[in-house]
């Protein structure tokens, strides 16, 4: 199964912020939307980076409370690791594990169309495994 399948289930809502906005604004966005990452896009919607809770904590550790007034571009992660709708869930899980990241923006022809988290991928794989187990049970029961 593919990333596209996850997006069909969860939707393609992505919370974005501009690189010139403050880290405090980004923290408020993450808190209000109850998400762990915001995608950083320029005025034309082009992907510039991602800002996660981890990036904010790292910025606070490095710059102290002054980090909150800094622009997002100063603490965001860039370049961004991305995936495409056709990538397999198994592949993106490997990428996230290897790179120690929890979110992958989904790009199609350089256009942001969604975001997947490690939680989305794990949930999908668990559902898939449960479905396979149910099919096998049905096969055994009919014999």
Protein backbone atom coordinates (compact mmCIF):
# COMPACT_ATOMS: atom_id res chain seq x y z
CA UNK A 1 0.00 0.00 0.00
CA UNK A 2 1.04 3.56 -0.63
CA UNK A 3 1.20 7.00 0.95
CA UNK A 4 -1.73 7.95 -1.26
CA UNK A 5 -3.89 5.43 0.62
CA UNK A 6 -2.99 7.04 3.96
CA UNK A 7 -3.87 10.49 2.61
CA UNK A 8 -7.23 9.23 1.35
CA UNK A 9 -8.02 8.05 4.87
CA UNK A 10 -6.64 10.92 6.95
CA UNK A 11 -7.07 13.77 4.50
CA UNK A 12 -4.57 16.21 3.12
CA UNK A 13 -4.74 19.07 5.63
CA UNK A 14 -1.30 20.54 6.25
CA UNK A 15 -0.63 23.41 8.61
CA UNK A 16 1.89 25.81 7.14
CA UNK A 17 3.79 28.81 8.39
CA UNK A 18 5.99 31.34 6.64
CA UNK A 19 9.75 31.47 7.30
CA UNK A 20 9.58 35.06 8.54
CA UNK A 21 6.97 34.32 11.24
CA UNK A 22 8.26 34.06 14.78
CA UNK A 23 8.96 30.82 16.55
CA UNK A 24 6.42 31.93 19.18
CA UNK A 25 3.78 32.15 16.41
CA UNK A 26 4.75 28.67 15.26
CA UNK A 27 4.51 27.29 18.81
CA UNK A 28 1.04 28.80 19.11
CA UNK A 29 0.02 27.22 15.78
CA UNK A 30 1.25 23.78 16.85
CA UNK A 31 -0.53 24.09 20.18
CA UNK A 32 -3.81 25.40 18.77
CA UNK A 33 -3.96 22.80 15.99
CA UNK A 34 -2.70 20.00 18.26
CA UNK A 35 -0.04 18.91 15.79
CA UNK A 36 3.68 18.22 16.12
CA UNK A 37 4.93 19.91 12.97
CA UNK A 38 4.24 22.82 10.64
CA UNK A 39 5.48 22.92 7.08
CA UNK A 40 7.38 26.10 6.26
CA UNK A 41 6.41 27.54 2.86
CA UNK A 42 7.25 30.79 1.12
CA UNK A 43 4.62 33.22 -0.10
CA UNK A 44 4.16 31.17 -3.29
CA UNK A 45 3.61 27.95 -1.32
CA UNK A 46 7.04 26.49 -2.13
CA UNK A 47 8.42 24.16 0.54
CA UNK A 48 11.24 25.75 2.53
CA UNK A 49 11.51 23.53 5.60
CA UNK A 50 9.63 21.95 8.47
CA UNK A 51 9.35 23.14 12.03
CA UNK A 52 8.73 20.50 14.65
CA UNK A 53 8.38 20.64 18.40
CA UNK A 54 11.88 19.18 18.49
CA UNK A 55 13.22 22.12 16.41
CA UNK A 56 11.66 24.60 18.84
CA UNK A 57 13.19 22.85 21.86
CA UNK A 58 16.57 22.76 20.12
CA UNK A 59 16.26 26.49 19.37
CA UNK A 60 15.43 27.24 23.00
CA UNK A 61 18.41 25.21 24.18
CA UNK A 62 20.73 27.01 21.76
CA UNK A 63 19.43 30.60 21.98
CA UNK A 64 17.43 30.72 25.20
CA UNK A 65 14.13 32.58 25.33
CA UNK A 66 15.32 34.85 22.50
CA UNK A 67 14.55 31.93 20.16
CA UNK A 68 10.84 32.65 20.56
CA UNK A 69 11.21 36.01 18.81
CA UNK A 70 13.45 34.66 16.05
CA UNK A 71 12.06 33.91 12.61
CA UNK A 72 11.10 30.31 11.97
CA UNK A 73 13.81 30.08 9.26
CA UNK A 74 16.46 30.26 12.02
CA UNK A 75 15.38 27.03 13.72
CA UNK A 76 13.49 25.03 11.05
CA UNK A 77 14.85 21.80 9.60
CA UNK A 78 16.03 22.19 6.03
CA UNK A 79 16.55 20.64 3.53
CA UNK A 80 13.39 18.61 3.98
CA UNK A 81 13.07 14.88 3.48
CA UNK A 82 9.87 14.30 1.51
CA UNK A 83 7.94 11.46 -0.04
CA UNK A 84 5.55 11.05 -2.95
CA UNK A 85 2.02 9.61 -3.06
CA UNK A 86 3.27 6.46 -4.79
CA UNK A 87 5.85 5.58 -2.13
CA UNK A 88 5.06 2.46 -0.14
CA UNK A 89 4.22 2.70 3.54
CA UNK A 90 7.02 0.25 4.27
CA UNK A 91 9.51 2.50 2.46
CA UNK A 92 8.52 5.67 4.30
CA UNK A 93 8.65 3.85 7.64
CA UNK A 94 12.22 2.86 6.82
CA UNK A 95 13.12 6.44 5.88
CA UNK A 96 11.59 7.86 9.05
CA UNK A 97 13.32 5.28 11.23
CA UNK A 98 16.70 5.69 9.54
CA UNK A 99 16.59 9.51 9.49
CA UNK A 100 14.99 9.74 12.97
CA UNK A 101 12.18 11.96 11.75
CA UNK A 102 8.48 11.72 12.54
CA UNK A 103 6.87 13.60 9.64
CA UNK A 104 7.23 13.55 5.87
CA UNK A 105 5.66 16.18 3.65
CA UNK A 106 4.10 14.57 0.58
CA UNK A 107 4.99 16.26 -2.71
CA UNK A 108 3.54 15.67 -6.13
CA UNK A 109 5.32 17.56 -8.92
CA UNK A 110 6.87 19.88 -6.30
CA UNK A 111 3.41 20.71 -4.88
CA UNK A 112 2.65 20.01 -1.22
CA UNK A 113 -0.37 17.69 -1.13
CA UNK A 114 -0.23 16.34 2.43
CA UNK A 115 1.89 15.13 5.29
CA UNK A 116 2.30 11.71 6.88
CA UNK A 117 3.55 10.95 10.35
CA UNK A 118 5.15 7.84 11.76
CA UNK A 119 1.90 7.38 13.69
CA UNK A 120 -0.09 7.41 10.45
CA UNK A 121 2.22 4.79 8.95
CA UNK A 122 2.18 2.53 12.02
CA UNK A 123 -1.61 2.78 12.27
CA UNK A 124 -1.95 1.90 8.60
CA UNK A 125 0.35 -1.13 8.94
CA UNK A 126 -1.53 -2.35 12.04
CA UNK A 127 -4.87 -2.05 10.24
CA UNK A 128 -3.42 -3.85 7.25
CA UNK A 129 -2.08 -6.68 9.46
CA UNK A 130 -5.44 -6.99 11.23
CA UNK A 131 -7.23 -7.26 7.88
CA UNK A 132 -4.82 -9.96 6.71
CA UNK A 133 -5.31 -11.88 9.95
CA UNK A 134 -9.10 -11.71 9.60
CA UNK A 135 -8.91 -13.02 6.01
CA UNK A 136 -6.70 -15.91 7.11
CA UNK A 137 -9.12 -16.75 9.94
CA UNK A 138 -12.02 -16.77 7.48
CA UNK A 139 -10.11 -19.07 5.14
CA UNK A 140 -9.29 -21.49 7.96
CA UNK A 141 -12.88 -21.39 9.28
CA UNK A 142 -14.35 -22.31 5.88
CA UNK A 143 -12.19 -25.43 5.51
